């Protein structure tokens, strides 16, 4: 099962519908960001990650109550 399928399946579970899902990938192809969001991801970050900004990037995809 790939990440797109995992995100889609998680969104089918009522208790997880609002749980943030952030796709972090090194396999970045044109259209991947859109595909991840359409599959249910709340955000998308491409590798290589910058350790100095990664936490801030992750937080930017979270609702204020997380």
C-alpha atoms as a PDB file:
ATOM      1  CA  UNK A   1       0.000   0.000   0.000  1.00  0.00           C
ATOM      2  CA  UNK A   2       1.477   3.370  -0.934  1.00  0.00           C
ATOM      3  CA  UNK A   3       1.118   6.622   0.978  1.00  0.00           C
ATOM      4  CA  UNK A   4      -1.696   7.879  -1.231  1.00  0.00           C
ATOM      5  CA  UNK A   5      -3.752   4.804  -0.405  1.00  0.00           C
ATOM      6  CA  UNK A   6      -2.922   5.066   3.295  1.00  0.00           C
ATOM      7  CA  UNK A   7      -4.084   8.687   3.392  1.00  0.00           C
ATOM      8  CA  UNK A   8      -7.257   7.819   1.513  1.00  0.00           C
ATOM      9  CA  UNK A   9      -8.042   4.880   3.811  1.00  0.00           C
ATOM     10  CA  UNK A  10      -7.392   6.962   6.934  1.00  0.00           C
ATOM     11  CA  UNK A  11      -9.838   9.589   5.696  1.00  0.00           C
ATOM     12  CA  UNK A  12     -12.526   6.893   5.488  1.00  0.00           C
ATOM     13  CA  UNK A  13     -12.302   6.363   9.273  1.00  0.00           C
ATOM     14  CA  UNK A  14     -14.691   8.774  10.971  1.00  0.00           C
ATOM     15  CA  UNK A  15     -12.496   9.352  14.041  1.00  0.00           C
ATOM     16  CA  UNK A  16      -9.501  10.213  11.828  1.00  0.00           C
ATOM     17  CA  UNK A  17     -11.139  12.531   9.309  1.00  0.00           C
ATOM     18  CA  UNK A  18      -9.684  15.631  10.956  1.00  0.00           C
ATOM     19  CA  UNK A  19      -6.307  14.121  11.902  1.00  0.00           C
ATOM     20  CA  UNK A  20      -3.526  15.944  10.043  1.00  0.00           C
ATOM     21  CA  UNK A  21      -1.627  13.860   7.477  1.00  0.00           C
ATOM     22  CA  UNK A  22       1.560  15.384   6.099  1.00  0.00           C
ATOM     23  CA  UNK A  23       3.235  13.689   3.147  1.00  0.00           C
ATOM     24  CA  UNK A  24       7.035  13.862   3.343  1.00  0.00           C
ATOM     25  CA  UNK A  25       8.661  12.494   0.231  1.00  0.00           C
ATOM     26  CA  UNK A  26      11.941  12.316  -1.628  1.00  0.00           C
ATOM     27  CA  UNK A  27      10.207  10.981  -4.719  1.00  0.00           C
ATOM     28  CA  UNK A  28       8.881  14.327  -5.929  1.00  0.00           C
ATOM     29  CA  UNK A  29       7.453  14.263  -9.435  1.00  0.00           C
ATOM     30  CA  UNK A  30       5.232  16.856 -11.126  1.00  0.00           C
ATOM     31  CA  UNK A  31       1.683  16.453  -9.823  1.00  0.00           C
ATOM     32  CA  UNK A  32       2.687  14.565  -6.654  1.00  0.00           C
ATOM     33  CA  UNK A  33       1.700  17.416  -4.340  1.00  0.00           C
ATOM     34  CA  UNK A  34      -1.764  17.586  -5.916  1.00  0.00           C
ATOM     35  CA  UNK A  35      -2.131  13.807  -5.808  1.00  0.00           C
ATOM     36  CA  UNK A  36      -1.179  13.728  -2.107  1.00  0.00           C
ATOM     37  CA  UNK A  37      -3.680  16.464  -1.227  1.00  0.00           C
ATOM     38  CA  UNK A  38      -6.410  14.800  -3.301  1.00  0.00           C
ATOM     39  CA  UNK A  39      -5.709  11.530  -1.468  1.00  0.00           C
ATOM     40  CA  UNK A  40      -6.350  13.194   1.878  1.00  0.00           C
ATOM     41  CA  UNK A  41      -3.027  14.657   2.979  1.00  0.00           C
ATOM     42  CA  UNK A  42      -3.222  17.957   4.810  1.00  0.00           C
ATOM     43  CA  UNK A  43       0.211  19.023   3.614  1.00  0.00           C
ATOM     44  CA  UNK A  44       3.199  18.055   1.518  1.00  0.00           C
ATOM     45  CA  UNK A  45       6.931  18.518   2.163  1.00  0.00           C
ATOM     46  CA  UNK A  46       9.691  17.483  -0.240  1.00  0.00           C
ATOM     47  CA  UNK A  47      13.018  16.070   0.927  1.00  0.00           C
ATOM     48  CA  UNK A  48      15.711  16.905   1.601  1.00  0.00           C
ATOM     49  CA  UNK A  49      14.256  18.559   4.647  1.00  0.00           C
ATOM     50  CA  UNK A  50      15.902  21.490   6.342  1.00  0.00           C
ATOM     51  CA  UNK A  51      16.215  20.578  10.037  1.00  0.00           C
ATOM     52  CA  UNK A  52      16.141  24.265  10.961  1.00  0.00           C
ATOM     53  CA  UNK A  53      12.705  24.813   9.406  1.00  0.00           C
ATOM     54  CA  UNK A  54      11.114  21.340   9.400  1.00  0.00           C
ATOM     55  CA  UNK A  55       9.180  21.735  12.665  1.00  0.00           C
ATOM     56  CA  UNK A  56       7.833  25.101  11.538  1.00  0.00           C
ATOM     57  CA  UNK A  57       6.816  23.596   8.193  1.00  0.00           C
ATOM     58  CA  UNK A  58       5.031  20.722   9.950  1.00  0.00           C
ATOM     59  CA  UNK A  59       3.233  23.098  12.311  1.00  0.00           C
ATOM     60  CA  UNK A  60       2.026  25.199   9.385  1.00  0.00           C
ATOM     61  CA  UNK A  61      -0.185  22.304   8.281  1.00  0.00           C
ATOM     62  CA  UNK A  62      -1.711  21.719  11.714  1.00  0.00           C
ATOM     63  CA  UNK A  63      -4.900  23.302  12.958  1.00  0.00           C
ATOM     64  CA  UNK A  64      -4.447  25.737  15.863  1.00  0.00           C
ATOM     65  CA  UNK A  65      -5.703  23.192  18.401  1.00  0.00           C
ATOM     66  CA  UNK A  66      -2.802  20.743  17.789  1.00  0.00           C
END
